[in-house]
PDB file of N, CA and C in Angstrom:
ATOM      1  N   MET A   1     148.560 123.504  11.522  1.00  0.00           N
ATOM      2  CA  MET A   1     147.788 123.145  12.681  1.00  0.00           C
ATOM      3  C   MET A   1     146.426 123.825  12.595  1.00  0.00           C
ATOM      4  N   MET A   2     145.376 123.077  12.880  1.00  0.00           N
ATOM      5  CA  MET A   2     144.024 123.615  12.791  1.00  0.00           C
ATOM      6  C   MET A   2     143.712 124.468  14.021  1.00  0.00           C
ATOM      7  N   GLU A   3     143.040 125.555  13.768  1.00  0.00           N
ATOM      8  CA  GLU A   3     142.645 126.443  14.854  1.00  0.00           C
ATOM      9  C   GLU A   3     141.384 125.906  15.517  1.00  0.00           C
ATOM     10  N   ARG A   4     141.362 125.949  16.844  1.00  0.00           N
ATOM     11  CA  ARG A   4     140.223 125.454  17.609  1.00  0.00           C
ATOM     12  C   ARG A   4     139.032 126.386  17.443  1.00  0.00           C
ATOM     13  N   LYS A   5     137.879 125.805  17.194  1.00  0.00           N
ATOM     14  CA  LYS A   5     136.652 126.591  17.091  1.00  0.00           C
ATOM     15  C   LYS A   5     136.190 126.955  18.488  1.00  0.00           C
ATOM     16  N   PRO A   6     135.677 128.169  18.649  1.00  0.00           N
ATOM     17  CA  PRO A   6     135.183 128.553  19.980  1.00  0.00           C
ATOM     18  C   PRO A   6     133.995 127.690  20.382  1.00  0.00           C
ATOM     19  N   THR A   7     133.991 127.285  21.627  1.00  0.00           N
ATOM     20  CA  THR A   7     132.883 126.500  22.149  1.00  0.00           C
ATOM     21  C   THR A   7     131.714 127.428  22.465  1.00  0.00           C
ATOM     22  N   LEU A   8     130.571 126.834  22.760  1.00  0.00           N
ATOM     23  CA  LEU A   8     129.404 127.619  23.156  1.00  0.00           C
ATOM     24  C   LEU A   8     129.741 128.445  24.401  1.00  0.00           C
ATOM     25  N   ARG A   9     130.455 127.842  25.326  1.00  0.00           N
ATOM     26  CA  ARG A   9     130.858 128.560  26.546  1.00  0.00           C
ATOM     27  C   ARG A   9     131.743 129.763  26.203  1.00  0.00           C
ATOM     28  N   ASP A  10     132.697 129.584  25.298  1.00  0.00           N
ATOM     29  CA  ASP A  10     133.567 130.687  24.865  1.00  0.00           C
ATOM     30  C   ASP A  10     132.754 131.815  24.238  1.00  0.00           C
ATOM     31  N   ARG A  11     131.802 131.439  23.397  1.00  0.00           N
ATOM     32  CA  ARG A  11     130.972 132.451  22.724  1.00  0.00           C
ATOM     33  C   ARG A  11     130.107 133.207  23.730  1.00  0.00           C
ATOM     34  N   ARG A  12     129.529 132.487  24.676  1.00  0.00           N
ATOM     35  CA  ARG A  12     128.703 133.146  25.705  1.00  0.00           C
ATOM     36  C   ARG A  12     129.545 134.069  26.573  1.00  0.00           C
ATOM     37  N   ARG A  13     130.726 133.617  26.925  1.00  0.00           N
ATOM     38  CA  ARG A  13     131.634 134.441  27.742  1.00  0.00           C
ATOM     39  C   ARG A  13     132.000 135.727  26.999  1.00  0.00           C
ATOM     40  N   SER A  14     132.324 135.611  25.738  1.00  0.00           N
ATOM     41  CA  SER A  14     132.666 136.787  24.935  1.00  0.00           C
ATOM     42  C   SER A  14     131.477 137.736  24.816  1.00  0.00           C
ATOM     43  N   GLU A  15     130.307 137.182  24.611  1.00  0.00           N
ATOM     44  CA  GLU A  15     129.099 138.005  24.501  1.00  0.00           C
ATOM     45  C   GLU A  15     128.802 138.719  25.820  1.00  0.00           C
ATOM     46  N   THR A  16     128.984 138.023  26.930  1.00  0.00           N
ATOM     47  CA  THR A  16     128.770 138.640  28.237  1.00  0.00           C
ATOM     48  C   THR A  16     129.759 139.787  28.446  1.00  0.00           C
ATOM     49  N   ARG A  17     131.009 139.564  28.102  1.00  0.00           N
ATOM     50  CA  ARG A  17     132.026 140.628  28.224  1.00  0.00           C
ATOM     51  C   ARG A  17     131.649 141.836  27.377  1.00  0.00           C
ATOM     52  N   ARG A  18     131.253 141.601  26.142  1.00  0.00           N
ATOM     53  CA  ARG A  18     130.871 142.707  25.241  1.00  0.00           C
ATOM     54  C   ARG A  18     129.668 143.461  25.787  1.00  0.00           C
ATOM     55  N   THR A  19     128.690 142.730  26.305  1.00  0.00           N
ATOM     56  CA  THR A  19     127.486 143.362  26.845  1.00  0.00           C
ATOM     57  C   THR A  19     127.831 144.226  28.057  1.00  0.00           C
ATOM     58  N   ILE A  20     128.599 143.667  28.977  1.00  0.00           N
ATOM     59  CA  ILE A  20     128.992 144.420  30.168  1.00  0.00           C
ATOM     60  C   ILE A  20     129.762 145.673  29.773  1.00  0.00           C
ATOM     61  N   GLN A  21     130.719 145.511  28.879  1.00  0.00           N
ATOM     62  CA  GLN A  21     131.556 146.642  28.485  1.00  0.00           C
ATOM     63  C   GLN A  21     130.745 147.707  27.747  1.00  0.00           C
ATOM     64  N   ALA A  22     129.835 147.311  26.896  1.00  0.00           N
ATOM     65  CA  ALA A  22     129.006 148.278  26.166  1.00  0.00           C
ATOM     66  C   ALA A  22     128.156 149.095  27.133  1.00  0.00           C
ATOM     67  N   HIS A  23     127.557 148.433  28.115  1.00  0.00           N
ATOM     68  CA  HIS A  23     126.751 149.155  29.099  1.00  0.00           C
ATOM     69  C   HIS A  23     127.627 150.063  29.960  1.00  0.00           C
ATOM     70  N   ALA A  24     128.811 149.591  30.325  1.00  0.00           N
ATOM     71  CA  ALA A  24     129.720 150.416  31.128  1.00  0.00           C
ATOM     72  C   ALA A  24     130.107 151.683  30.377  1.00  0.00           C
ATOM     73  N   ILE A  25     130.483 151.544  29.130  1.00  0.00           N
ATOM     74  CA  ILE A  25     130.890 152.711  28.343  1.00  0.00           C
ATOM     75  C   ILE A  25     129.719 153.672  28.180  1.00  0.00           C
ATOM     76  N   ARG A  26     128.529 153.134  27.939  1.00  0.00           N
ATOM     77  CA  ARG A  26     127.350 153.992  27.804  1.00  0.00           C
ATOM     78  C   ARG A  26     127.090 154.755  29.104  1.00  0.00           C
ATOM     79  N   LEU A  27     127.135 154.053  30.232  1.00  0.00           N
ATOM     80  CA  LEU A  27     126.893 154.707  31.522  1.00  0.00           C
ATOM     81  C   LEU A  27     127.974 155.740  31.833  1.00  0.00           C
ATOM     82  N   PHE A  28     129.229 155.408  31.570  1.00  0.00           N
ATOM     83  CA  PHE A  28     130.318 156.347  31.823  1.00  0.00           C
ATOM     84  C   PHE A  28     130.168 157.588  30.944  1.00  0.00           C
ATOM     85  N   THR A  29     129.765 157.388  29.714  1.00  0.00           N
ATOM     86  CA  THR A  29     129.583 158.511  28.798  1.00  0.00           C
ATOM     87  C   THR A  29     128.416 159.383  29.234  1.00  0.00           C
ATOM     88  N   ASP A  30     127.322 158.748  29.650  1.00  0.00           N
ATOM     89  CA  ASP A  30     126.125 159.488  30.048  1.00  0.00           C
ATOM     90  C   ASP A  30     126.266 160.190  31.394  1.00  0.00           C
ATOM     91  N   SER A  31     126.859 159.512  32.377  1.00  0.00           N
ATOM     92  CA  SER A  31     126.855 160.011  33.756  1.00  0.00           C
ATOM     93  C   SER A  31     128.216 160.427  34.285  1.00  0.00           C
ATOM     94  N   GLY A  32     129.257 160.029  33.612  1.00  0.00           N
ATOM     95  CA  GLY A  32     130.605 160.292  34.109  1.00  0.00           C
ATOM     96  C   GLY A  32     131.150 159.083  34.833  1.00  0.00           C
ATOM     97  N   TYR A  33     132.427 158.863  34.677  1.00  0.00           N
ATOM     98  CA  TYR A  33     133.079 157.678  35.231  1.00  0.00           C
ATOM     99  C   TYR A  33     132.892 157.577  36.747  1.00  0.00           C
ATOM    100  N   ASP A  34     133.139 158.676  37.451  1.00  0.00           N
ATOM    101  CA  ASP A  34     133.079 158.648  38.909  1.00  0.00           C
ATOM    102  C   ASP A  34     131.667 158.452  39.453  1.00  0.00           C
ATOM    103  N   ALA A  35     130.655 158.815  38.687  1.00  0.00           N
ATOM    104  CA  ALA A  35     129.271 158.713  39.148  1.00  0.00           C
ATOM    105  C   ALA A  35     128.676 157.314  38.977  1.00  0.00           C
ATOM    106  N   VAL A  36     129.382 156.449  38.286  1.00  0.00           N
ATOM    107  CA  VAL A  36     128.858 155.111  37.988  1.00  0.00           C
ATOM    108  C   VAL A  36     129.584 154.075  38.839  1.00  0.00           C
ATOM    109  N   ALA A  37     128.819 153.277  39.543  1.00  0.00           N
ATOM    110  CA  ALA A  37     129.382 152.182  40.350  1.00  0.00           C
ATOM    111  C   ALA A  37     129.326 150.883  39.544  1.00  0.00           C
ATOM    112  N   VAL A  38     130.159 149.944  39.928  1.00  0.00           N
ATOM    113  CA  VAL A  38     130.145 148.633  39.264  1.00  0.00           C
ATOM    114  C   VAL A  38     128.758 148.013  39.383  1.00  0.00           C
ATOM    115  N   ALA A  39     128.085 148.226  40.500  1.00  0.00           N
ATOM    116  CA  ALA A  39     126.723 147.702  40.668  1.00  0.00           C
ATOM    117  C   ALA A  39     125.773 148.287  39.626  1.00  0.00           C
ATOM    118  N   ASP A  40     125.978 149.551  39.250  1.00  0.00           N
ATOM    119  CA  ASP A  40     125.154 150.170  38.208  1.00  0.00           C
ATOM    120  C   ASP A  40     125.382 149.488  36.861  1.00  0.00           C
ATOM    121  N   VAL A  41     126.639 149.200  36.579  1.00  0.00           N
ATOM    122  CA  VAL A  41     126.979 148.509  35.324  1.00  0.00           C
ATOM    123  C   VAL A  41     126.351 147.125  35.318  1.00  0.00           C
ATOM    124  N   ALA A  42     126.469 146.420  36.427  1.00  0.00           N
ATOM    125  CA  ALA A  42     125.904 145.067  36.528  1.00  0.00           C
ATOM    126  C   ALA A  42     124.402 145.096  36.288  1.00  0.00           C
ATOM    127  N   GLU A  43     123.713 146.029  36.929  1.00  0.00           N
ATOM    128  CA  GLU A  43     122.264 146.124  36.769  1.00  0.00           C
ATOM    129  C   GLU A  43     121.891 146.418  35.320  1.00  0.00           C
ATOM    130  N   ALA A  44     122.583 147.352  34.707  1.00  0.00           N
ATOM    131  CA  ALA A  44     122.280 147.706  33.317  1.00  0.00           C
ATOM    132  C   ALA A  44     122.517 146.526  32.370  1.00  0.00           C
ATOM    133  N   ALA A  45     123.551 145.732  32.665  1.00  0.00           N
ATOM    134  CA  ALA A  45     123.889 144.590  31.809  1.00  0.00           C
ATOM    135  C   ALA A  45     123.065 143.345  32.135  1.00  0.00           C
ATOM    136  N   GLY A  46     122.318 143.389  33.244  1.00  0.00           N
ATOM    137  CA  GLY A  46     121.503 142.242  33.611  1.00  0.00           C
ATOM    138  C   GLY A  46     122.302 141.094  34.195  1.00  0.00           C
ATOM    139  N   VAL A  47     123.395 141.432  34.879  1.00  0.00           N
ATOM    140  CA  VAL A  47     124.234 140.411  35.511  1.00  0.00           C
ATOM    141  C   VAL A  47     124.521 140.846  36.945  1.00  0.00           C
ATOM    142  N   SER A  48     125.155 139.983  37.710  1.00  0.00           N
ATOM    143  CA  SER A  48     125.526 140.336  39.078  1.00  0.00           C
ATOM    144  C   SER A  48     126.842 141.112  39.076  1.00  0.00           C
ATOM    145  N   ALA A  49     127.089 141.830  40.165  1.00  0.00           N
ATOM    146  CA  ALA A  49     128.363 142.546  40.303  1.00  0.00           C
ATOM    147  C   ALA A  49     129.525 141.552  40.271  1.00  0.00           C
ATOM    148  N   MET A  50     129.318 140.374  40.848  1.00  0.00           N
ATOM    149  CA  MET A  50     130.373 139.350  40.825  1.00  0.00           C
ATOM    150  C   MET A  50     130.714 138.939  39.394  1.00  0.00           C
ATOM    151  N   THR A  51     129.719 138.867  38.528  1.00  0.00           N
ATOM    152  CA  THR A  51     129.975 138.534  37.128  1.00  0.00           C
ATOM    153  C   THR A  51     130.802 139.629  36.467  1.00  0.00           C
ATOM    154  N   VAL A  52     130.493 140.878  36.776  1.00  0.00           N
ATOM    155  CA  VAL A  52     131.289 141.984  36.219  1.00  0.00           C
ATOM    156  C   VAL A  52     132.738 141.829  36.659  1.00  0.00           C
ATOM    157  N   TYR A  53     132.950 141.598  37.957  1.00  0.00           N
ATOM    158  CA  TYR A  53     134.309 141.454  38.469  1.00  0.00           C
ATOM    159  C   TYR A  53     135.010 140.210  37.934  1.00  0.00           C
ATOM    160  N   ARG A  54     134.261 139.184  37.619  1.00  0.00           N
ATOM    161  CA  ARG A  54     134.862 137.976  37.056  1.00  0.00           C
ATOM    162  C   ARG A  54     135.467 138.283  35.684  1.00  0.00           C
ATOM    163  N   HIS A  55     134.805 139.140  34.931  1.00  0.00           N
ATOM    164  CA  HIS A  55     135.278 139.493  33.588  1.00  0.00           C
ATOM    165  C   HIS A  55     136.220 140.692  33.589  1.00  0.00           C
ATOM    166  N   PHE A  56     136.025 141.612  34.534  1.00  0.00           N
ATOM    167  CA  PHE A  56     136.800 142.851  34.610  1.00  0.00           C
ATOM    168  C   PHE A  56     137.213 143.056  36.072  1.00  0.00           C
ATOM    169  N   PRO A  57     138.435 142.689  36.431  1.00  0.00           N
ATOM    170  CA  PRO A  57     138.857 142.727  37.831  1.00  0.00           C
ATOM    171  C   PRO A  57     138.748 144.095  38.512  1.00  0.00           C
ATOM    172  N   THR A  58     138.866 145.176  37.750  1.00  0.00           N
ATOM    173  CA  THR A  58     138.730 146.514  38.323  1.00  0.00           C
ATOM    174  C   THR A  58     137.787 147.339  37.460  1.00  0.00           C
ATOM    175  N   LYS A  59     137.276 148.404  38.028  1.00  0.00           N
ATOM    176  CA  LYS A  59     136.387 149.301  37.290  1.00  0.00           C
ATOM    177  C   LYS A  59     137.115 149.890  36.077  1.00  0.00           C
ATOM    178  N   GLU A  60     138.379 150.206  36.243  1.00  0.00           N
ATOM    179  CA  GLU A  60     139.167 150.766  35.149  1.00  0.00           C
ATOM    180  C   GLU A  60     139.244 149.804  33.958  1.00  0.00           C
ATOM    181  N   ASP A  61     139.284 148.525  34.254  1.00  0.00           N
ATOM    182  CA  ASP A  61     139.373 147.524  33.184  1.00  0.00           C
ATOM    183  C   ASP A  61     138.159 147.555  32.261  1.00  0.00           C
ATOM    184  N   LEU A  62     137.035 148.054  32.761  1.00  0.00           N
ATOM    185  CA  LEU A  62     135.835 148.145  31.923  1.00  0.00           C
ATOM    186  C   LEU A  62     136.068 149.015  30.693  1.00  0.00           C
ATOM    187  N   VAL A  63     136.936 150.003  30.812  1.00  0.00           N
ATOM    188  CA  VAL A  63     137.205 150.871  29.663  1.00  0.00           C
ATOM    189  C   VAL A  63     138.553 150.611  29.030  1.00  0.00           C
ATOM    190  N   LEU A  64     139.448 149.938  29.717  1.00  0.00           N
ATOM    191  CA  LEU A  64     140.793 149.761  29.182  1.00  0.00           C
ATOM    192  C   LEU A  64     141.020 148.425  28.493  1.00  0.00           C
ATOM    193  N   ILE A  65     140.413 147.366  28.990  1.00  0.00           N
ATOM    194  CA  ILE A  65     140.631 146.048  28.389  1.00  0.00           C
ATOM    195  C   ILE A  65     139.951 145.976  27.032  1.00  0.00           C
ATOM    196  N   GLU A  66     140.704 145.527  26.049  1.00  0.00           N
ATOM    197  CA  GLU A  66     140.216 145.289  24.688  1.00  0.00           C
ATOM    198  C   GLU A  66     139.684 146.542  23.994  1.00  0.00           C
ATOM    199  N   GLN A  67     140.123 147.701  24.433  1.00  0.00           N
ATOM    200  CA  GLN A  67     139.743 148.926  23.735  1.00  0.00           C
ATOM    201  C   GLN A  67     140.837 149.235  22.732  1.00  0.00           C
ATOM    202  N   PRO A  68     140.443 149.814  21.609  1.00  0.00           N
ATOM    203  CA  PRO A  68     141.456 150.152  20.608  1.00  0.00           C
ATOM    204  C   PRO A  68     142.443 151.191  21.149  1.00  0.00           C
ATOM    205  N   ALA A  69     143.589 150.700  21.573  1.00  0.00           N
ATOM    206  CA  ALA A  69     144.606 151.572  22.170  1.00  0.00           C
ATOM    207  C   ALA A  69     145.052 152.656  21.198  1.00  0.00           C
ATOM    208  N   ARG A  70     145.066 152.338  19.925  1.00  0.00           N
ATOM    209  CA  ARG A  70     145.499 153.336  18.943  1.00  0.00           C
ATOM    210  C   ARG A  70     144.571 154.547  18.954  1.00  0.00           C
ATOM    211  N   LEU A  71     143.257 154.311  19.014  1.00  0.00           N
ATOM    212  CA  LEU A  71     142.295 155.411  19.037  1.00  0.00           C
ATOM    213  C   LEU A  71     142.529 156.305  20.250  1.00  0.00           C
ATOM    214  N   ILE A  72     142.729 155.699  21.399  1.00  0.00           N
ATOM    215  CA  ILE A  72     142.961 156.463  22.617  1.00  0.00           C
ATOM    216  C   ILE A  72     144.280 157.225  22.514  1.00  0.00           C
ATOM    217  N   ALA A  73     145.317 156.567  22.034  1.00  0.00           N
ATOM    218  CA  ALA A  73     146.623 157.229  21.886  1.00  0.00           C
ATOM    219  C   ALA A  73     146.537 158.408  20.918  1.00  0.00           C
ATOM    220  N   GLU A  74     145.788 158.231  19.829  1.00  0.00           N
ATOM    221  CA  GLU A  74     145.626 159.330  18.879  1.00  0.00           C
ATOM    222  C   GLU A  74     144.914 160.512  19.524  1.00  0.00           C
ATOM    223  N   ARG A  75     143.902 160.225  20.353  1.00  0.00           N
ATOM    224  CA  ARG A  75     143.179 161.305  21.032  1.00  0.00           C
ATOM    225  C   ARG A  75     144.086 162.028  22.024  1.00  0.00           C
ATOM    226  N   VAL A  76     144.923 161.285  22.733  1.00  0.00           N
ATOM    227  CA  VAL A  76     145.861 161.930  23.665  1.00  0.00           C
ATOM    228  C   VAL A  76     146.844 162.798  22.880  1.00  0.00           C
ATOM    229  N   ALA A  77     147.383 162.253  21.797  1.00  0.00           N
ATOM    230  CA  ALA A  77     148.352 162.999  20.993  1.00  0.00           C
ATOM    231  C   ALA A  77     147.748 164.263  20.387  1.00  0.00           C
ATOM    232  N   ALA A  78     146.465 164.216  20.063  1.00  0.00           N
ATOM    233  CA  ALA A  78     145.799 165.361  19.443  1.00  0.00           C
ATOM    234  C   ALA A  78     145.376 166.423  20.456  1.00  0.00           C
ATOM    235  N   SER A  79     145.420 166.092  21.731  1.00  0.00           N
ATOM    236  CA  SER A  79     144.996 167.049  22.753  1.00  0.00           C
ATOM    237  C   SER A  79     146.099 168.084  22.984  1.00  0.00           C
ATOM    238  N   PRO A  80     145.708 169.260  23.481  1.00  0.00           N
ATOM    239  CA  PRO A  80     146.702 170.319  23.717  1.00  0.00           C
ATOM    240  C   PRO A  80     147.752 169.891  24.745  1.00  0.00           C
ATOM    241  N   PRO A  81     149.021 169.961  24.392  1.00  0.00           N
ATOM    242  CA  PRO A  81     150.076 169.528  25.313  1.00  0.00           C
ATOM    243  C   PRO A  81     150.195 170.413  26.557  1.00  0.00           C
ATOM    244  N   THR A  82     149.530 171.549  26.554  1.00  0.00           N
ATOM    245  CA  THR A  82     149.574 172.430  27.720  1.00  0.00           C
ATOM    246  C   THR A  82     148.641 171.965  28.834  1.00  0.00           C
ATOM    247  N   GLN A  83     147.701 171.077  28.506  1.00  0.00           N
ATOM    248  CA  GLN A  83     146.788 170.540  29.522  1.00  0.00           C
ATOM    249  C   GLN A  83     147.527 169.528  30.392  1.00  0.00           C
ATOM    250  N   PRO A  84     147.100 169.381  31.644  1.00  0.00           N
ATOM    251  CA  PRO A  84     147.695 168.325  32.479  1.00  0.00           C
ATOM    252  C   PRO A  84     147.432 166.953  31.848  1.00  0.00           C
ATOM    253  N   LEU A  85     148.384 166.068  32.014  1.00  0.00           N
ATOM    254  CA  LEU A  85     148.278 164.743  31.398  1.00  0.00           C
ATOM    255  C   LEU A  85     147.005 164.014  31.802  1.00  0.00           C
ATOM    256  N   VAL A  86     146.612 164.123  33.065  1.00  0.00           N
ATOM    257  CA  VAL A  86     145.411 163.423  33.518  1.00  0.00           C
ATOM    258  C   VAL A  86     144.183 163.907  32.741  1.00  0.00           C
ATOM    259  N   ARG A  87     144.105 165.194  32.436  1.00  0.00           N
ATOM    260  CA  ARG A  87     142.985 165.719  31.647  1.00  0.00           C
ATOM    261  C   ARG A  87     143.062 165.243  30.203  1.00  0.00           C
ATOM    262  N   ARG A  88     144.269 165.166  29.670  1.00  0.00           N
ATOM    263  CA  ARG A  88     144.443 164.708  28.284  1.00  0.00           C
ATOM    264  C   ARG A  88     143.999 163.250  28.147  1.00  0.00           C
ATOM    265  N   VAL A  89     144.432 162.417  29.095  1.00  0.00           N
ATOM    266  CA  VAL A  89     144.072 160.993  29.049  1.00  0.00           C
ATOM    267  C   VAL A  89     142.576 160.823  29.310  1.00  0.00           C
ATOM    268  N   GLY A  90     142.054 161.521  30.318  1.00  0.00           N
ATOM    269  CA  GLY A  90     140.617 161.435  30.619  1.00  0.00           C
ATOM    270  C   GLY A  90     139.767 161.866  29.439  1.00  0.00           C
ATOM    271  N   GLY A  91     140.141 162.973  28.818  1.00  0.00           N
ATOM    272  CA  GLY A  91     139.414 163.442  27.638  1.00  0.00           C
ATOM    273  C   GLY A  91     139.495 162.454  26.489  1.00  0.00           C
ATOM    274  N   ALA A  92     140.670 161.848  26.330  1.00  0.00           N
ATOM    275  CA  ALA A  92     140.842 160.859  25.263  1.00  0.00           C
ATOM    276  C   ALA A  92     139.955 159.644  25.498  1.00  0.00           C
ATOM    277  N   LEU A  93     139.844 159.206  26.749  1.00  0.00           N
ATOM    278  CA  LEU A  93     138.988 158.058  27.063  1.00  0.00           C
ATOM    279  C   LEU A  93     137.525 158.376  26.781  1.00  0.00           C
ATOM    280  N   VAL A  94     137.091 159.576  27.174  1.00  0.00           N
ATOM    281  CA  VAL A  94     135.704 159.969  26.922  1.00  0.00           C
ATOM    282  C   VAL A  94     135.459 160.079  25.416  1.00  0.00           C
ATOM    283  N   ASP A  95     136.372 160.720  24.697  1.00  0.00           N
ATOM    284  CA  ASP A  95     136.222 160.855  23.242  1.00  0.00           C
ATOM    285  C   ASP A  95     136.192 159.486  22.562  1.00  0.00           C
ATOM    286  N   ALA A  96     137.086 158.600  22.988  1.00  0.00           N
ATOM    287  CA  ALA A  96     137.130 157.262  22.389  1.00  0.00           C
ATOM    288  C   ALA A  96     135.847 156.493  22.703  1.00  0.00           C
ATOM    289  N   ALA A  97     135.362 156.601  23.931  1.00  0.00           N
ATOM    290  CA  ALA A  97     134.116 155.921  24.303  1.00  0.00           C
ATOM    291  C   ALA A  97     132.959 156.447  23.466  1.00  0.00           C
ATOM    292  N   THR A  98     132.917 157.756  23.270  1.00  0.00           N
ATOM    293  CA  THR A  98     131.861 158.347  22.448  1.00  0.00           C
ATOM    294  C   THR A  98     131.949 157.818  21.023  1.00  0.00           C
ATOM    295  N   ALA A  99     133.152 157.770  20.494  1.00  0.00           N
ATOM    296  CA  ALA A  99     133.334 157.262  19.128  1.00  0.00           C
ATOM    297  C   ALA A  99     132.958 155.785  19.032  1.00  0.00           C
ATOM    298  N   LEU A 100     133.337 154.998  20.052  1.00  0.00           N
ATOM    299  CA  LEU A 100     133.073 153.561  20.022  1.00  0.00           C
ATOM    300  C   LEU A 100     131.602 153.216  20.210  1.00  0.00           C
ATOM    301  N   THR A 101     130.852 154.097  20.866  1.00  0.00           N
ATOM    302  CA  THR A 101     129.442 153.828  21.100  1.00  0.00           C
ATOM    303  C   THR A 101     128.549 154.541  20.091  1.00  0.00           C
ATOM    304  N   GLY A 102     129.134 155.094  19.078  1.00  0.00           N
ATOM    305  CA  GLY A 102     128.348 155.756  18.041  1.00  0.00           C
ATOM    306  C   GLY A 102     128.245 157.241  18.248  1.00  0.00           C
ATOM    307  N   GLY A 103     128.370 157.700  19.485  1.00  0.00           N
ATOM    308  CA  GLY A 103     128.443 159.110  19.794  1.00  0.00           C
ATOM    309  C   GLY A 103     127.294 159.959  19.354  1.00  0.00           C
ATOM    310  N   ASP A 104     126.113 159.345  19.092  1.00  0.00           N
ATOM    311  CA  ASP A 104     124.994 160.152  18.610  1.00  0.00           C
ATOM    312  C   ASP A 104     124.076 160.614  19.729  1.00  0.00           C
ATOM    313  N   GLY A 105     124.325 160.118  20.968  1.00  0.00           N
ATOM    314  CA  GLY A 105     123.529 160.531  22.107  1.00  0.00           C
ATOM    315  C   GLY A 105     122.103 160.015  22.072  1.00  0.00           C
ATOM    316  N   ASP A 106     121.812 159.021  21.256  1.00  0.00           N
ATOM    317  CA  ASP A 106     120.471 158.469  21.130  1.00  0.00           C
ATOM    318  C   ASP A 106     120.187 157.554  22.316  1.00  0.00           C
ATOM    319  N   GLU A 107     119.496 158.091  23.329  1.00  0.00           N
ATOM    320  CA  GLU A 107     119.238 157.315  24.538  1.00  0.00           C
ATOM    321  C   GLU A 107     118.246 156.185  24.317  1.00  0.00           C
ATOM    322  N   SER A 108     117.382 156.308  23.338  1.00  0.00           N
ATOM    323  CA  SER A 108     116.424 155.218  23.096  1.00  0.00           C
ATOM    324  C   SER A 108     117.146 153.972  22.648  1.00  0.00           C
ATOM    325  N   ALA A 109     118.197 154.127  21.853  1.00  0.00           N
ATOM    326  CA  ALA A 109     118.970 152.961  21.416  1.00  0.00           C
ATOM    327  C   ALA A 109     119.791 152.398  22.558  1.00  0.00           C
ATOM    328  N   ALA A 110     120.278 153.265  23.435  1.00  0.00           N
ATOM    329  CA  ALA A 110     121.097 152.827  24.539  1.00  0.00           C
ATOM    330  C   ALA A 110     120.291 152.078  25.586  1.00  0.00           C
ATOM    331  N   ASN A 111     119.004 152.340  25.680  1.00  0.00           N
ATOM    332  CA  ASN A 111     118.176 151.702  26.689  1.00  0.00           C
ATOM    333  C   ASN A 111     117.534 150.411  26.219  1.00  0.00           C
ATOM    334  N   GLU A 112     117.848 149.946  25.064  1.00  0.00           N
ATOM    335  CA  GLU A 112     117.244 148.704  24.558  1.00  0.00           C
ATOM    336  C   GLU A 112     117.848 147.502  25.210  1.00  0.00           C
TER     337      GLU A 112
END
């Protein structure tokens, strides 16, 4: 059976999701998860808040959907087991986001 080629709409939708998620991860890494509102992500991505919610039903989904679960799991496993689980998971998410965004802290590239 032949695989269906993505339509222009499918490609645009995927690109919009990637753009929103990249800006969300950058903002969360730079400012902290709690300090960033969905409206901030929308503004940075050049879309409306409704568009963000259409692609990511919750703020948490911005970092959890389509993220390499293995990378996050490895970071949790590598963290000290004496830390509270919430800190281990939170640290793993931040570490994974840093790794996924290049982690070089180059703000000029992030603001393009």
